[in-house]
Amino acid sequence: MKGKISKKRVLVAMSGGVDSSVAAALLVRSGKYDVTGAFMVNYDVEKTTGGSCWLPDYRDALRVAAALGIPCLKFNFTAEYQKFVLEHVYREYEKGRTPNPDILCNKFVKFGSWLEKAEQLGFDFLATGHYARIGEVKSKKFKMKRYELLMAKDANKDQTYFLNQLNQKQLARTLFPLGNLTKPEVRRLAKKFALPTAYKEESMGICFVGEVPMKEFLAGKIQTQPGNVVTTKGEIVARHEGLAFYTIGQRHLGIRNQESGIRNDKKALYVVAKHFAANELVVGDEDNPLLYSKEIKVTGINWISGQEPKFPLKCQVRLRHRQPLVKCEVRGEKGQNLVRFNTPERAVTAGQFAVFYKNGECLGGGEIV
């Protein structure tokens, strides 16, 4: 009689939201895995009432785990989050750049520290509720598998943009159960499985800030210096509170006429540049040429395949989450890559990520200089 084949052990990250709840339910119901839930604390702030900010989500994760009949562990990664995400975010904002904390969190915490913890505990895989897919390509030449990060079935929910820093080792140990589902399908499954989070509203905040405005979050954490808001012609039209609080392309209302003191909230102006030496915020009309870029420089590109492609590379690029893919050409330069767009792109922002795609595969990405 053959011995019983042991199931692969999966640690599924349960955030207390509907997506991770359904991901856990699908793994349990497949019968293929030995599933354990885990709630990860990355950021902790005491609310005036109700205790820590993460407590409501933790309770929801526990309720879902109980409904599925699986254990739910709790881990604290606030120190790792502070070191790898928050400190970088503060430094970048002080420089007047606009970082992407979600990408850093995925790279260093979720698929860094979390995955390391899963491996230490003897789990074969880490599963999350991300909308993405993983493909496997067998190489006859090297007699080994290559993993591809593929766009999700639901193009509107696709999260590969935030996963562009993952590597082959991480993809080999990761499961994305929702990759072939749409958001409406996930909602229907949550109701079908009678999960406690089936009707829970979706959180739209940044991973560690929640729904608090970024300006409010940064206040007191970085050093800023007020300065002048000027037009592209050099006319002083207002005062800004610190260059760190403004993003290229951001709408800037409430310009006050310096002579009459009359505030004009009807004229919409947009941030088109930052003059760091003079500490000036430059504003212009919506179609100002300074808002458009024909080419950009990108540094530190992570190629998910583990190998740098042959240049010039003709592919598509996404400069922000949910932005339509645009055609481009990537060329290699000294320590950087030059990306040329087929058509000029609006409001390209330093510190954000340019993420490259080809035939539905996320090739990787790097920071915009």
Protein backbone atom coordinates (compact mmCIF):
# COMPACT_ATOMS: atom_id res chain seq x y z
CA MET A 1 0.00 0.00 0.00
CA LYS A 2 1.38 3.33 -1.01
CA GLY A 3 1.98 5.94 1.64
CA LYS A 4 -0.29 8.94 1.85
CA ILE A 5 0.98 11.87 -0.21
CA SER A 6 1.32 14.96 1.98
CA LYS A 7 -0.26 18.16 0.74
CA LYS A 8 1.76 21.26 0.00
CA ARG A 9 1.59 23.72 2.87
CA VAL A 10 0.35 27.23 2.05
CA LEU A 11 0.46 30.33 4.24
CA VAL A 12 -2.23 32.67 2.93
CA ALA A 13 -1.98 36.36 3.84
CA MET A 14 -5.38 37.41 5.19
CA SER A 15 -5.90 41.16 5.39
CA GLY A 16 -9.50 41.01 6.55
CA GLY A 17 -10.74 42.08 3.11
CA VAL A 18 -12.93 40.20 0.67
CA ASP A 19 -10.13 39.44 -1.83
CA SER A 20 -7.81 37.65 0.58
CA SER A 21 -10.82 35.93 2.16
CA VAL A 22 -11.87 34.41 -1.17
CA ALA A 23 -8.25 33.51 -1.96
CA ALA A 24 -8.09 31.52 1.26
CA ALA A 25 -11.48 29.91 0.60
CA LEU A 26 -10.46 28.80 -2.88
CA LEU A 27 -7.28 27.18 -1.59
CA VAL A 28 -9.18 25.35 1.15
CA ARG A 29 -11.95 24.17 -1.17
CA SER A 30 -9.51 22.93 -3.81
CA GLY A 31 -8.45 20.20 -1.40
CA LYS A 32 -4.91 20.36 -2.78
CA TYR A 33 -3.28 22.26 0.05
CA ASP A 34 -2.79 22.33 3.78
CA VAL A 35 -3.85 25.94 4.37
CA THR A 36 -2.98 28.26 7.25
CA GLY A 37 -4.05 31.91 7.42
CA ALA A 38 -1.83 34.74 8.61
CA PHE A 39 -2.56 38.33 9.51
CA MET A 40 0.43 40.64 9.14
CA VAL A 41 0.75 43.87 11.12
CA ASN A 42 2.85 46.35 9.13
CA TYR A 43 1.78 49.69 10.52
CA ASP A 44 0.42 50.42 13.97
CA VAL A 45 -1.24 53.60 15.20
CA GLU A 46 -3.44 53.86 18.27
CA LYS A 47 -6.83 55.34 17.42
CA THR A 48 -8.59 57.59 19.93
CA THR A 49 -11.21 54.86 20.26
CA GLY A 50 -11.06 51.18 19.37
CA GLY A 51 -7.34 50.50 19.89
CA SER A 52 -4.83 49.89 17.10
CA CYS A 53 -5.75 50.79 13.52
CA TRP A 54 -5.41 47.17 12.37
CA LEU A 55 -7.71 45.58 14.97
CA PRO A 56 -10.98 45.67 12.96
CA ASP A 57 -9.31 43.96 10.00
CA TYR A 58 -7.67 41.39 12.27
CA ARG A 59 -11.04 40.48 13.75
CA ASP A 60 -12.47 40.04 10.25
CA ALA A 61 -9.55 37.80 9.28
CA LEU A 62 -10.17 35.67 12.40
CA ARG A 63 -13.86 35.35 11.55
CA VAL A 64 -13.07 34.22 8.00
CA ALA A 65 -10.48 31.71 9.23
CA ALA A 66 -12.99 30.30 11.70
CA ALA A 67 -15.60 29.96 8.95
CA LEU A 68 -13.10 28.09 6.79
CA GLY A 69 -11.88 25.92 9.64
CA ILE A 70 -8.24 26.96 9.38
CA PRO A 71 -5.84 28.48 11.92
CA CYS A 72 -4.94 32.17 11.64
CA LEU A 73 -1.52 33.27 12.87
CA LYS A 74 -0.55 36.88 13.57
CA PHE A 75 2.87 38.36 12.85
CA ASN A 76 4.34 41.79 13.47
CA PHE A 77 6.45 43.32 10.71
CA THR A 78 6.29 46.96 11.78
CA ALA A 79 10.09 47.16 12.18
CA GLU A 80 10.67 45.83 8.67
CA TYR A 81 8.04 48.16 7.27
CA GLN A 82 9.61 51.15 8.99
CA LYS A 83 13.07 50.27 7.66
CA PHE A 84 12.30 49.28 4.07
CA VAL A 85 9.23 51.37 3.25
CA LEU A 86 8.56 54.32 5.54
CA GLU A 87 12.12 55.60 5.82
CA HIS A 88 12.50 55.47 2.03
CA VAL A 89 9.16 57.24 1.59
CA TYR A 90 10.16 60.06 3.93
CA ARG A 91 13.55 60.54 2.21
CA GLU A 92 11.97 60.64 -1.23
CA TYR A 93 9.28 63.15 -0.29
CA GLU A 94 11.88 65.42 1.32
CA LYS A 95 13.69 65.40 -2.03
CA GLY A 96 10.48 66.51 -3.74
CA ARG A 97 9.96 63.13 -5.42
CA THR A 98 6.80 61.00 -5.28
CA PRO A 99 7.60 57.41 -4.24
CA ASN A 100 5.29 54.39 -4.53
CA PRO A 101 5.05 52.72 -1.11
CA ASP A 102 2.88 49.85 -2.40
CA ILE A 103 5.64 48.66 -4.74
CA LEU A 104 8.24 48.89 -1.97
CA CYS A 105 5.96 47.00 0.39
CA ASN A 106 5.52 44.15 -2.10
CA LYS A 107 9.26 43.94 -2.81
CA PHE A 108 10.65 44.10 0.72
CA VAL A 109 7.82 43.14 3.07
CA LYS A 110 5.05 41.04 1.51
CA PHE A 111 7.29 38.98 -0.75
CA GLY A 112 10.41 39.62 1.29
CA SER A 113 9.88 39.37 5.05
CA TRP A 114 6.53 37.58 4.81
CA LEU A 115 7.87 34.97 2.39
CA GLU A 116 10.97 34.45 4.52
CA LYS A 117 8.76 33.83 7.56
CA ALA A 118 6.65 31.36 5.57
CA GLU A 119 9.79 29.45 4.55
CA GLN A 120 11.14 29.45 8.13
CA LEU A 121 7.88 27.88 9.30
CA GLY A 122 8.08 25.16 6.66
CA PHE A 123 5.44 26.42 4.23
CA ASP A 124 5.86 25.63 0.54
CA PHE A 125 3.99 28.69 -0.72
CA LEU A 126 2.81 32.16 0.26
CA ALA A 127 -0.58 33.06 -1.21
CA THR A 128 -2.13 36.53 -1.44
CA GLY A 129 -5.29 38.13 -2.81
CA HIS A 130 -3.51 40.06 -5.55
CA TYR A 131 -5.08 40.16 -9.00
CA ALA A 132 -2.24 38.69 -11.06
CA ARG A 133 -1.26 35.37 -12.62
CA ILE A 134 1.95 33.33 -12.68
CA GLY A 135 2.94 31.36 -15.76
CA GLU A 136 5.58 28.67 -16.08
CA VAL A 137 7.83 28.28 -19.12
CA LYS A 138 10.07 25.24 -19.42
CA SER A 139 13.44 25.96 -20.98
CA LYS A 140 14.87 23.04 -22.97
CA LYS A 141 18.18 24.83 -23.24
CA PHE A 142 18.71 25.31 -19.50
CA LYS A 143 16.47 22.42 -18.34
CA MET A 144 14.74 24.62 -15.80
CA LYS A 145 11.50 26.52 -15.30
CA ARG A 146 11.11 30.23 -15.85
CA TYR A 147 8.27 32.03 -14.15
CA GLU A 148 6.30 34.82 -15.80
CA LEU A 149 4.23 37.49 -14.09
CA LEU A 150 1.08 37.76 -16.21
CA MET A 151 -1.72 40.30 -16.15
CA ALA A 152 -4.93 39.27 -14.40
CA LYS A 153 -8.14 38.31 -16.18
CA ASP A 154 -9.77 41.45 -14.74
CA ALA A 155 -7.90 44.24 -16.52
CA ASN A 156 -9.49 46.86 -14.27
CA LYS A 157 -8.22 45.16 -11.12
CA ASP A 158 -4.86 43.97 -12.48
CA GLN A 159 -2.14 44.60 -9.87
CA THR A 160 0.98 43.55 -11.76
CA TYR A 161 2.07 47.21 -11.77
CA PHE A 162 2.62 46.94 -8.01
CA LEU A 163 4.40 43.57 -8.36
CA ASN A 164 7.03 44.63 -10.90
CA GLN A 165 9.93 44.18 -8.46
CA LEU A 166 9.39 40.46 -7.86
CA ASN A 167 12.00 37.94 -8.96
CA GLN A 168 12.13 34.30 -10.03
CA LYS A 169 12.65 32.93 -6.52
CA GLN A 170 9.68 34.86 -5.17
CA LEU A 171 7.35 33.85 -8.01
CA ALA A 172 8.32 30.19 -7.58
CA ARG A 173 7.00 30.26 -3.99
CA THR A 174 3.90 32.41 -4.59
CA LEU A 175 0.25 31.66 -5.41
CA PHE A 176 -2.29 34.18 -6.74
CA PRO A 177 -5.67 32.36 -6.51
CA LEU A 178 -7.65 35.34 -7.89
CA GLY A 179 -5.69 35.77 -11.12
CA ASN A 180 -8.33 34.17 -13.33
CA LEU A 181 -11.30 35.86 -11.67
CA THR A 182 -12.97 39.24 -12.03
CA LYS A 183 -13.92 41.37 -9.04
CA PRO A 184 -17.68 40.68 -9.53
CA GLU A 185 -16.89 36.94 -9.60
CA VAL A 186 -14.92 37.27 -6.36
CA ARG A 187 -17.87 39.04 -4.72
CA ARG A 188 -20.25 36.32 -5.87
CA LEU A 189 -17.95 33.60 -4.50
CA ALA A 190 -17.69 35.40 -1.16
CA LYS A 191 -21.49 35.35 -0.89
CA LYS A 192 -21.70 31.75 -2.10
CA PHE A 193 -19.18 30.65 0.53
CA ALA A 194 -21.00 32.75 3.16
CA LEU A 195 -17.77 34.51 4.16
CA PRO A 196 -18.07 37.13 6.94
CA THR A 197 -16.41 39.71 4.67
CA ALA A 198 -18.69 39.13 1.65
CA TYR A 199 -20.30 42.58 1.94
CA LYS A 200 -17.31 44.47 3.31
CA GLU A 201 -16.47 47.65 1.43
CA GLU A 202 -13.16 47.85 -0.38
CA SER A 203 -10.38 49.96 1.15
CA MET A 204 -9.10 52.58 -1.29
CA GLY A 205 -6.26 53.96 0.81
CA ILE A 206 -2.51 53.57 0.45
CA CYS A 207 -1.21 50.41 2.10
CA PHE A 208 0.05 52.04 5.30
CA VAL A 209 -1.80 55.36 5.38
CA GLY A 210 -5.30 54.06 4.80
CA GLU A 211 -7.68 56.80 3.69
CA VAL A 212 -5.78 59.61 5.40
CA PRO A 213 -4.57 62.24 2.88
CA MET A 214 -0.84 61.93 2.19
CA LYS A 215 -0.24 65.55 3.14
CA GLU A 216 -1.77 64.96 6.56
CA PHE A 217 0.27 61.79 7.02
CA LEU A 218 3.57 63.47 6.10
CA ALA A 219 3.00 66.53 8.28
CA GLY A 220 5.56 66.50 11.08
CA LYS A 221 7.48 63.57 9.61
CA ILE A 222 9.51 65.46 7.01
CA GLN A 223 11.13 68.87 6.90
CA THR A 224 9.56 71.29 4.43
CA GLN A 225 10.00 74.94 3.59
CA PRO A 226 7.22 77.21 2.27
CA GLY A 227 7.94 79.09 -0.94
CA ASN A 228 6.45 80.83 -3.94
CA VAL A 229 4.06 79.42 -6.50
CA VAL A 230 5.03 80.90 -9.87
CA THR A 231 3.75 80.70 -13.43
CA THR A 232 5.95 79.52 -16.28
CA LYS A 233 6.62 83.21 -16.97
CA GLY A 234 7.97 83.72 -13.45
CA GLU A 235 4.97 85.60 -12.03
CA ILE A 236 4.41 84.95 -8.32
CA VAL A 237 0.76 83.96 -7.85
CA ALA A 238 0.64 82.24 -4.46
CA ARG A 239 2.57 80.48 -1.70
CA HIS A 240 3.13 76.75 -1.33
CA GLU A 241 3.55 74.80 1.91
CA GLY A 242 6.52 72.73 0.81
CA LEU A 243 7.45 71.09 -2.50
CA ALA A 244 7.06 67.63 -0.95
CA PHE A 245 3.29 68.06 -0.77
CA TYR A 246 2.80 68.52 -4.51
CA THR A 247 2.92 66.13 -7.44
CA ILE A 248 3.51 66.87 -11.12
CA GLY A 249 0.14 67.14 -12.85
CA GLN A 250 -1.71 67.89 -9.62
CA ARG A 251 -4.51 70.41 -9.95
CA HIS A 252 -3.72 73.59 -8.02
CA LEU A 253 -6.76 75.78 -7.29
CA GLY A 254 -7.12 78.94 -5.30
CA ILE A 255 -4.56 81.20 -6.95
CA ARG A 256 -4.65 84.62 -5.28
CA ASN A 257 -3.95 87.79 -7.26
CA GLN A 258 -0.99 89.39 -5.51
CA GLU A 259 -2.17 92.96 -6.20
CA SER A 260 -5.89 92.77 -5.44
CA GLY A 261 -5.73 89.86 -2.98
CA ILE A 262 -8.80 88.35 -4.70
CA ARG A 263 -8.87 84.56 -4.69
CA ASN A 264 -9.83 82.88 -7.98
CA ASP A 265 -10.97 79.28 -7.52
CA LYS A 266 -12.40 79.00 -11.03
CA LYS A 267 -9.12 79.06 -12.93
CA ALA A 268 -7.65 75.57 -12.84
CA LEU A 269 -3.87 75.52 -12.90
CA TYR A 270 -1.65 72.46 -12.66
CA VAL A 271 1.76 71.73 -11.17
CA VAL A 272 4.09 71.49 -14.16
CA ALA A 273 7.54 71.63 -12.49
CA LYS A 274 9.46 72.07 -9.25
CA HIS A 275 12.45 74.42 -9.03
CA PHE A 276 14.34 72.99 -6.07
CA ALA A 277 17.17 75.53 -5.96
CA ALA A 278 14.70 78.42 -5.74
CA ASN A 279 12.10 76.38 -3.78
CA GLU A 280 9.46 77.34 -6.34
CA LEU A 281 6.37 75.45 -7.42
CA VAL A 282 5.64 76.10 -11.10
CA VAL A 283 2.04 76.03 -12.35
CA GLY A 284 0.52 76.30 -15.79
CA ASP A 285 -2.51 75.47 -17.90
CA GLU A 286 -3.69 71.91 -18.42
CA ASP A 287 -2.05 71.68 -21.84
CA ASN A 288 1.24 73.31 -20.85
CA PRO A 289 4.15 71.73 -22.80
CA LEU A 290 6.11 71.21 -19.57
CA LEU A 291 3.52 68.62 -18.55
CA TYR A 292 4.39 66.36 -21.48
CA SER A 293 7.45 64.13 -21.93
CA LYS A 294 8.65 62.40 -25.08
CA GLU A 295 11.31 60.41 -23.24
CA ILE A 296 12.37 59.68 -19.66
CA LYS A 297 15.22 58.05 -17.79
CA VAL A 298 14.56 55.03 -15.59
CA THR A 299 17.03 53.59 -13.09
CA GLY A 300 17.42 50.24 -11.35
CA ILE A 301 15.11 48.24 -13.59
CA ASN A 302 14.23 44.83 -12.19
CA TRP A 303 13.80 42.36 -15.05
CA ILE A 304 11.56 39.62 -13.65
CA SER A 305 13.07 36.96 -15.92
CA GLY A 306 16.42 37.54 -14.26
CA GLN A 307 18.02 38.48 -17.57
CA GLU A 308 18.35 41.87 -19.22
CA PRO A 309 16.63 41.91 -22.63
CA LYS A 310 18.27 42.89 -25.89
CA PHE A 311 18.10 46.60 -26.58
CA PRO A 312 16.42 48.44 -28.13
CA LEU A 313 13.34 46.76 -26.68
CA LYS A 314 10.00 47.61 -28.23
CA CYS A 315 7.24 47.02 -25.69
CA GLN A 316 4.54 48.80 -23.70
CA VAL A 317 4.86 50.78 -20.50
CA ARG A 318 2.60 51.86 -17.67
CA LEU A 319 3.60 54.92 -15.62
CA ARG A 320 0.90 54.65 -12.95
CA HIS A 321 -1.65 52.10 -11.78
CA ARG A 322 -4.60 51.64 -14.18
CA GLN A 323 -3.06 53.90 -16.79
CA PRO A 324 -3.60 52.47 -20.28
CA LEU A 325 -0.52 50.73 -21.66
CA VAL A 326 1.41 52.90 -24.11
CA LYS A 327 3.92 51.87 -26.75
CA CYS A 328 7.56 52.68 -26.13
CA GLU A 329 11.15 51.77 -26.90
CA VAL A 330 13.68 51.04 -24.14
CA ARG A 331 17.39 51.61 -24.70
CA GLY A 332 20.33 50.81 -22.45
CA GLU A 333 22.52 53.60 -21.10
CA LYS A 334 25.22 53.93 -18.45
CA GLY A 335 23.53 52.74 -15.27
CA GLN A 336 20.13 53.84 -16.57
CA ASN A 337 17.64 53.14 -19.32
CA LEU A 338 16.18 55.63 -21.73
CA VAL A 339 12.49 55.15 -22.47
CA ARG A 340 11.03 56.85 -25.55
CA PHE A 341 7.27 57.04 -25.97
CA ASN A 342 5.52 56.81 -29.32
CA THR A 343 3.42 59.80 -28.23
CA PRO A 344 4.24 62.34 -25.46
CA GLU A 345 3.05 61.29 -22.00
CA ARG A 346 1.45 63.67 -19.49
CA ALA A 347 2.57 64.28 -15.90
CA VAL A 348 5.47 61.84 -15.69
CA THR A 349 6.52 61.91 -12.04
CA ALA A 350 10.01 61.36 -10.60
CA GLY A 351 10.05 58.63 -7.96
CA GLN A 352 7.18 56.70 -9.50
CA PHE A 353 7.75 53.49 -11.46
CA ALA A 354 7.79 52.78 -15.18
CA VAL A 355 6.59 49.19 -15.62
CA PHE A 356 7.09 47.32 -18.89
CA TYR A 357 4.80 44.81 -20.59
CA LYS A 358 4.77 42.62 -23.68
CA ASN A 359 1.95 40.34 -24.81
CA GLY A 360 0.27 40.45 -21.41
CA GLU A 361 3.46 39.70 -19.47
CA CYS A 362 4.91 42.12 -16.94
CA LEU A 363 8.62 42.26 -17.77
CA GLY A 364 9.63 44.37 -14.77
CA GLY A 365 10.12 48.02 -13.90
CA GLY A 366 12.28 50.73 -12.40
CA GLU A 367 12.14 54.20 -10.81
CA ILE A 368 11.65 57.27 -12.95
CA VAL A 369 14.53 59.72 -12.53
